[in-house]
């Protein structure tokens, strides 16, 4: 059953479960290790900038395909996004071969229209930049999303893009 609105409590519970299972206590989160723990194998492929990544389930095998031409930070986000699909969603049957299901991460993934994509993006942000880790790192600091140096340093620590870190801070601290 497809969700009709994002299930943030479920997302946070799944993230906490995976972080605990992987014994992760600080940034950067080892997203590829977590993918393996979740039962997936990662394959990098050049998708000519048409697709960021995909999740294929066939039989007992799960493969996360990641666009090799993209930045390491984008690849980490894509892996986390696909783990989100793996643990949250059934996937779509592909009509060519009904023996497997697939989730694609494309430009439409960033739109706020598809609830499963919203959830997978929220999952990726929560996994790569866990709220507890970010809050602890900023414990004695003022949060200023216009402070490029602060954002850059945090992004480097978490191995994410500055854009991803900015959005995460805005969501954690409800900055508008």
C-alpha atoms as a PDB file:
ATOM      1  CA  UNK A   1       0.000   0.000   0.000  1.00  0.00           C
ATOM      2  CA  UNK A   2       1.390   3.373  -1.007  1.00  0.00           C
ATOM      3  CA  UNK A   3       1.492   6.029   1.688  1.00  0.00           C
ATOM      4  CA  UNK A   4      -0.723   9.066   1.215  1.00  0.00           C
ATOM      5  CA  UNK A   5       1.484  11.357   3.318  1.00  0.00           C
ATOM      6  CA  UNK A   6       5.079  11.087   4.534  1.00  0.00           C
ATOM      7  CA  UNK A   7       5.488   8.835   7.581  1.00  0.00           C
ATOM      8  CA  UNK A   8       8.281  10.646   9.416  1.00  0.00           C
ATOM      9  CA  UNK A   9       7.992   8.651  12.657  1.00  0.00           C
ATOM     10  CA  UNK A  10       8.441   5.406  10.703  1.00  0.00           C
ATOM     11  CA  UNK A  11      11.397   6.905   8.817  1.00  0.00           C
ATOM     12  CA  UNK A  12      13.093   7.962  12.064  1.00  0.00           C
ATOM     13  CA  UNK A  13      12.514   4.535  13.625  1.00  0.00           C
ATOM     14  CA  UNK A  14      14.037   2.734  10.615  1.00  0.00           C
ATOM     15  CA  UNK A  15      17.037   5.085  10.598  1.00  0.00           C
ATOM     16  CA  UNK A  16      17.632   4.549  14.324  1.00  0.00           C
ATOM     17  CA  UNK A  17      17.353   0.787  13.837  1.00  0.00           C
ATOM     18  CA  UNK A  18      19.947   0.766  11.053  1.00  0.00           C
ATOM     19  CA  UNK A  19      22.353   3.093  12.871  1.00  0.00           C
ATOM     20  CA  UNK A  20      22.126   0.888  15.943  1.00  0.00           C
ATOM     21  CA  UNK A  21      22.596  -2.305  13.914  1.00  0.00           C
ATOM     22  CA  UNK A  22      25.699  -0.808  12.267  1.00  0.00           C
ATOM     23  CA  UNK A  23      26.912   0.525  15.640  1.00  0.00           C
ATOM     24  CA  UNK A  24      27.269   4.050  14.207  1.00  0.00           C
ATOM     25  CA  UNK A  25      27.796   6.741  16.832  1.00  0.00           C
ATOM     26  CA  UNK A  26      29.301   9.624  14.874  1.00  0.00           C
ATOM     27  CA  UNK A  27      29.614  11.141  11.418  1.00  0.00           C
ATOM     28  CA  UNK A  28      30.278  10.282   8.687  1.00  0.00           C
ATOM     29  CA  UNK A  29      27.726   7.493   8.501  1.00  0.00           C
ATOM     30  CA  UNK A  30      29.118   4.460   6.600  1.00  0.00           C
ATOM     31  CA  UNK A  31      26.220   4.344   4.135  1.00  0.00           C
ATOM     32  CA  UNK A  32      27.652   1.526   2.017  1.00  0.00           C
ATOM     33  CA  UNK A  33      28.097  -0.684   5.088  1.00  0.00           C
ATOM     34  CA  UNK A  34      24.496   0.051   6.027  1.00  0.00           C
ATOM     35  CA  UNK A  35      23.345  -0.872   2.510  1.00  0.00           C
ATOM     36  CA  UNK A  36      25.025  -4.260   2.901  1.00  0.00           C
ATOM     37  CA  UNK A  37      23.453  -4.721   6.352  1.00  0.00           C
ATOM     38  CA  UNK A  38      20.073  -3.947   4.759  1.00  0.00           C
ATOM     39  CA  UNK A  39      20.709  -6.727   2.227  1.00  0.00           C
ATOM     40  CA  UNK A  40      21.773  -4.740  -0.834  1.00  0.00           C
ATOM     41  CA  UNK A  41      24.753  -4.861  -3.153  1.00  0.00           C
ATOM     42  CA  UNK A  42      25.966  -1.575  -4.662  1.00  0.00           C
ATOM     43  CA  UNK A  43      26.873  -1.320  -8.335  1.00  0.00           C
ATOM     44  CA  UNK A  44      28.225   1.868  -9.899  1.00  0.00           C
ATOM     45  CA  UNK A  45      27.326   2.541 -13.517  1.00  0.00           C
ATOM     46  CA  UNK A  46      27.452   5.510 -15.863  1.00  0.00           C
ATOM     47  CA  UNK A  47      23.831   6.499 -16.501  1.00  0.00           C
ATOM     48  CA  UNK A  48      24.732   9.548 -18.653  1.00  0.00           C
ATOM     49  CA  UNK A  49      23.183  11.856 -16.036  1.00  0.00           C
ATOM     50  CA  UNK A  50      19.712  10.483 -16.846  1.00  0.00           C
ATOM     51  CA  UNK A  51      19.247   8.592 -13.566  1.00  0.00           C
ATOM     52  CA  UNK A  52      20.969   9.174 -10.217  1.00  0.00           C
ATOM     53  CA  UNK A  53      20.309   5.681  -8.994  1.00  0.00           C
ATOM     54  CA  UNK A  54      17.953   2.766  -8.860  1.00  0.00           C
ATOM     55  CA  UNK A  55      16.926  -0.105  -6.655  1.00  0.00           C
ATOM     56  CA  UNK A  56      16.294  -3.498  -8.230  1.00  0.00           C
ATOM     57  CA  UNK A  57      14.815  -6.446  -6.364  1.00  0.00           C
ATOM     58  CA  UNK A  58      14.912  -9.753  -8.193  1.00  0.00           C
ATOM     59  CA  UNK A  59      14.386 -13.002  -6.396  1.00  0.00           C
ATOM     60  CA  UNK A  60      16.452 -12.827  -3.240  1.00  0.00           C
ATOM     61  CA  UNK A  61      18.907 -10.267  -4.616  1.00  0.00           C
ATOM     62  CA  UNK A  62      18.781  -6.515  -4.060  1.00  0.00           C
ATOM     63  CA  UNK A  63      20.997  -4.202  -6.101  1.00  0.00           C
ATOM     64  CA  UNK A  64      21.430  -0.471  -5.649  1.00  0.00           C
ATOM     65  CA  UNK A  65      22.654   1.099  -8.872  1.00  0.00           C
ATOM     66  CA  UNK A  66      24.458   4.421  -8.464  1.00  0.00           C
ATOM     67  CA  UNK A  67      25.463   6.874 -11.186  1.00  0.00           C
ATOM     68  CA  UNK A  68      29.258   6.773 -11.217  1.00  0.00           C
ATOM     69  CA  UNK A  69      29.508  10.128 -12.998  1.00  0.00           C
ATOM     70  CA  UNK A  70      28.120  12.027 -10.030  1.00  0.00           C
ATOM     71  CA  UNK A  71      30.020  13.497  -7.082  1.00  0.00           C
ATOM     72  CA  UNK A  72      30.873  11.256  -4.112  1.00  0.00           C
ATOM     73  CA  UNK A  73      28.472  13.294  -1.948  1.00  0.00           C
ATOM     74  CA  UNK A  74      25.634  12.815  -4.431  1.00  0.00           C
ATOM     75  CA  UNK A  75      26.435   9.109  -4.666  1.00  0.00           C
ATOM     76  CA  UNK A  76      26.226   8.798  -0.859  1.00  0.00           C
ATOM     77  CA  UNK A  77      22.844  10.548  -0.868  1.00  0.00           C
ATOM     78  CA  UNK A  78      21.617   8.301  -3.675  1.00  0.00           C
ATOM     79  CA  UNK A  79      22.678   5.134  -1.824  1.00  0.00           C
ATOM     80  CA  UNK A  80      20.883   6.385   1.306  1.00  0.00           C
ATOM     81  CA  UNK A  81      17.812   7.301  -0.784  1.00  0.00           C
ATOM     82  CA  UNK A  82      17.685   3.808  -2.276  1.00  0.00           C
ATOM     83  CA  UNK A  83      18.093   2.205   1.168  1.00  0.00           C
ATOM     84  CA  UNK A  84      15.053   4.274   2.110  1.00  0.00           C
ATOM     85  CA  UNK A  85      13.079   2.723  -0.739  1.00  0.00           C
ATOM     86  CA  UNK A  86      14.344  -0.722   0.266  1.00  0.00           C
ATOM     87  CA  UNK A  87      13.186  -0.494   3.877  1.00  0.00           C
ATOM     88  CA  UNK A  88      10.055   1.630   3.333  1.00  0.00           C
ATOM     89  CA  UNK A  89       8.524   0.726  -0.055  1.00  0.00           C
ATOM     90  CA  UNK A  90       7.618  -2.337  -2.114  1.00  0.00           C
ATOM     91  CA  UNK A  91       8.704  -0.813  -5.425  1.00  0.00           C
ATOM     92  CA  UNK A  92       7.076  -0.849  -8.817  1.00  0.00           C
ATOM     93  CA  UNK A  93       6.832  -3.867 -11.072  1.00  0.00           C
ATOM     94  CA  UNK A  94       8.577  -3.342 -14.360  1.00  0.00           C
ATOM     95  CA  UNK A  95       6.344  -4.512 -17.174  1.00  0.00           C
ATOM     96  CA  UNK A  96       9.151  -5.977 -19.279  1.00  0.00           C
ATOM     97  CA  UNK A  97       9.884  -8.673 -16.702  1.00  0.00           C
ATOM     98  CA  UNK A  98       7.450  -9.101 -13.830  1.00  0.00           C
ATOM     99  CA  UNK A  99      10.037 -10.997 -11.773  1.00  0.00           C
ATOM    100  CA  UNK A 100      11.622  -7.842 -10.379  1.00  0.00           C
ATOM    101  CA  UNK A 101      10.706  -4.507  -8.856  1.00  0.00           C
ATOM    102  CA  UNK A 102      12.530  -1.220  -9.309  1.00  0.00           C
ATOM    103  CA  UNK A 103      12.715   2.262  -7.809  1.00  0.00           C
ATOM    104  CA  UNK A 104      14.414   4.948  -9.909  1.00  0.00           C
ATOM    105  CA  UNK A 105      16.015   8.115  -8.537  1.00  0.00           C
ATOM    106  CA  UNK A 106      15.736  10.773 -11.218  1.00  0.00           C
ATOM    107  CA  UNK A 107      15.089  14.513 -11.432  1.00  0.00           C
ATOM    108  CA  UNK A 108      11.473  13.850 -10.402  1.00  0.00           C
ATOM    109  CA  UNK A 109      12.747  12.472  -7.086  1.00  0.00           C
ATOM    110  CA  UNK A 110      13.314  16.009  -5.854  1.00  0.00           C
ATOM    111  CA  UNK A 111       9.767  17.143  -6.540  1.00  0.00           C
ATOM    112  CA  UNK A 112       7.370  17.348  -3.629  1.00  0.00           C
ATOM    113  CA  UNK A 113       4.646  15.437  -5.468  1.00  0.00           C
ATOM    114  CA  UNK A 114       5.440  11.749  -4.950  1.00  0.00           C
ATOM    115  CA  UNK A 115       5.092  10.665  -1.309  1.00  0.00           C
ATOM    116  CA  UNK A 116       7.469   7.710  -1.725  1.00  0.00           C
ATOM    117  CA  UNK A 117      10.151  10.043  -3.112  1.00  0.00           C
ATOM    118  CA  UNK A 118       9.573  12.524  -0.284  1.00  0.00           C
ATOM    119  CA  UNK A 119       9.980   9.674   2.190  1.00  0.00           C
ATOM    120  CA  UNK A 120      13.124   8.319   0.518  1.00  0.00           C
ATOM    121  CA  UNK A 121      14.681  11.803   0.520  1.00  0.00           C
ATOM    122  CA  UNK A 122      13.744  12.342   4.178  1.00  0.00           C
ATOM    123  CA  UNK A 123      15.176   8.915   4.996  1.00  0.00           C
ATOM    124  CA  UNK A 124      18.449   9.734   3.197  1.00  0.00           C
ATOM    125  CA  UNK A 125      18.814  13.048   5.025  1.00  0.00           C
ATOM    126  CA  UNK A 126      18.052  11.418   8.375  1.00  0.00           C
ATOM    127  CA  UNK A 127      20.471   8.550   7.749  1.00  0.00           C
ATOM    128  CA  UNK A 128      23.389  10.665   6.518  1.00  0.00           C
ATOM    129  CA  UNK A 129      22.812  13.542   8.956  1.00  0.00           C
ATOM    130  CA  UNK A 130      21.165  12.012  12.046  1.00  0.00           C
ATOM    131  CA  UNK A 131      19.460  14.657  14.137  1.00  0.00           C
ATOM    132  CA  UNK A 132      21.264  13.627  17.332  1.00  0.00           C
ATOM    133  CA  UNK A 133      24.667  13.851  15.668  1.00  0.00           C
ATOM    134  CA  UNK A 134      23.965  17.267  14.119  1.00  0.00           C
ATOM    135  CA  UNK A 135      22.543  18.721  17.338  1.00  0.00           C
ATOM    136  CA  UNK A 136      25.563  17.426  19.291  1.00  0.00           C
ATOM    137  CA  UNK A 137      27.974  18.929  16.753  1.00  0.00           C
ATOM    138  CA  UNK A 138      26.251  22.302  17.085  1.00  0.00           C
ATOM    139  CA  UNK A 139      25.658  22.153  20.849  1.00  0.00           C
ATOM    140  CA  UNK A 140      27.570  25.321  21.741  1.00  0.00           C
ATOM    141  CA  UNK A 141      27.243  27.110  18.402  1.00  0.00           C
ATOM    142  CA  UNK A 142      24.697  29.427  16.887  1.00  0.00           C
ATOM    143  CA  UNK A 143      23.140  27.944  13.767  1.00  0.00           C
ATOM    144  CA  UNK A 144      23.427  30.280  10.807  1.00  0.00           C
ATOM    145  CA  UNK A 145      22.499  28.839   7.429  1.00  0.00           C
ATOM    146  CA  UNK A 146      24.023  31.885   5.765  1.00  0.00           C
ATOM    147  CA  UNK A 147      27.417  31.109   7.323  1.00  0.00           C
ATOM    148  CA  UNK A 148      29.011  29.379   4.341  1.00  0.00           C
ATOM    149  CA  UNK A 149      32.069  28.305   6.345  1.00  0.00           C
ATOM    150  CA  UNK A 150      29.952  26.609   9.024  1.00  0.00           C
ATOM    151  CA  UNK A 151      27.792  24.839   6.427  1.00  0.00           C
ATOM    152  CA  UNK A 152      30.841  23.761   4.404  1.00  0.00           C
ATOM    153  CA  UNK A 153      32.611  22.346   7.479  1.00  0.00           C
ATOM    154  CA  UNK A 154      29.518  20.415   8.542  1.00  0.00           C
ATOM    155  CA  UNK A 155      28.966  19.140   5.000  1.00  0.00           C
ATOM    156  CA  UNK A 156      32.551  17.891   4.873  1.00  0.00           C
ATOM    157  CA  UNK A 157      32.212  16.182   8.258  1.00  0.00           C
ATOM    158  CA  UNK A 158      29.060  14.354   7.134  1.00  0.00           C
ATOM    159  CA  UNK A 159      30.311  13.851   3.543  1.00  0.00           C
ATOM    160  CA  UNK A 160      27.227  15.461   2.023  1.00  0.00           C
ATOM    161  CA  UNK A 161      26.708  18.451  -0.241  1.00  0.00           C
ATOM    162  CA  UNK A 162      26.379  21.923   1.247  1.00  0.00           C
ATOM    163  CA  UNK A 163      22.871  22.044  -0.225  1.00  0.00           C
ATOM    164  CA  UNK A 164      21.874  18.833   1.602  1.00  0.00           C
ATOM    165  CA  UNK A 165      23.351  20.147   4.851  1.00  0.00           C
ATOM    166  CA  UNK A 166      21.552  23.479   4.481  1.00  0.00           C
ATOM    167  CA  UNK A 167      18.189  21.760   3.960  1.00  0.00           C
ATOM    168  CA  UNK A 168      18.846  19.417   6.876  1.00  0.00           C
ATOM    169  CA  UNK A 169      19.650  22.298   9.223  1.00  0.00           C
ATOM    170  CA  UNK A 170      16.551  24.155   8.056  1.00  0.00           C
ATOM    171  CA  UNK A 171      14.408  21.100   8.808  1.00  0.00           C
ATOM    172  CA  UNK A 172      16.033  20.284  12.164  1.00  0.00           C
ATOM    173  CA  UNK A 173      15.941  23.848  13.484  1.00  0.00           C
ATOM    174  CA  UNK A 174      12.809  24.918  11.555  1.00  0.00           C
ATOM    175  CA  UNK A 175      14.648  27.825   9.962  1.00  0.00           C
ATOM    176  CA  UNK A 176      12.658  29.540   7.220  1.00  0.00           C
END
